[in-house]
Amino acid sequence: MILKIINPKKDGKNLYQNNGTCFPLVQYLSKEDDKLGDDREYFFNHDHDIVMATEVLSTIDSYRKGLEEKDTKFYSLVIAPTDAELSCMKDPRKELRDYTRMMMEIYAENFKGITKAKNLKGKDIEYFAKIEFDRHYKGTDKEVLDGTVEQGSVKTGNNMHVHIIVSRKDKSNEHKISPLVNNKKAFHIEGLKLKSCYKFGEIYLLDTPAKELEAMMIKRDGNDLGVKQYESYKPNLEPKEGVQEKNTGTKEAIASISEILLKGLNSPIESESQSIDEDVEKMKKKKKDEEKQRRKL
């Protein structure tokens, strides 16, 4: 799982430059639309599955209150599950949208109270996201360096991923929020990543994304202190003892009850029917006897 907040100063592409309009990025994220035709993915946000590119552009570019010309206006995030992680999903498009919204809840809550913007929720963040299907080899990829593939060629496998454009200002247009602020107490990027990986693991019972990130952090820091501070968010993926036996027992109990009911539908009803018939016959016999008695009189 790749969870990344793109830094234009390091990632280089002009389309990620974020101190002006988001038009180049919106245009770039629409590149697969013609090829996919009616099967294309639209932008989506926290509340809607279909948002037009024009709305994305006009909305993000309108959040400028209090920002200087050279100030950052928006940020770009990427969620890129591995092929194996995507295979856990029954409906990848829908589930990626749902997971993105869940991650943006974590993103909002990750802004700490030392900033003016606190107690934020996903609904307070102005963002738009889009699913893409292709990823391309970069010049720095091993396969390109080895000469086995050409730079720019499409990678094989399932490469669905999500690009997110999020405003520098919250929806109130009053507070500046930056995930790239150089202050872990204000926003901890690895906290966002870990909590998001833990949430993925909780949903799909898969601990690989979190384990890989934990290992990288421990190796870099030389200790596990950074990981431990988010231990309370870590889900327990071990199967609970007795759950399977309990479920099996429940199935057996249901089968047993069904069997009893099926038997009961024959036995009690038949016996009750026989009893009624016998009573009717007795009444008929009694009536005949009474009739005979009157004749004698």
Foldseek 3Di string as FASTA:
>chain_A
DDKDWDDCVPVPDPCQQFLAFNVSVLVVLCVCPVVCPPNFAAKAALPGRHDHSVCVRVVLRVLCPPHDSRDGWKIKIKFWDDLVLCVLDPDSVVVQVVLVSVLLQLVQQQFDPVFPRHPGGRVFWDKIKGKDFWDFAACPDPCNVVVVDPGGDTDDGGTIMMMMITTQATPVSPGGDDCPPPDVNRGNPVLSQLLSLQVSCVVRVDNVSNVVSQVVVCVVVVHNPVVVVCVVSHDDSDDDPPPVVVVVVVVVVVVVVVVVVVVVVPPPVVVVVVVVVVVVVVVVVVVVVVVVVVVVD
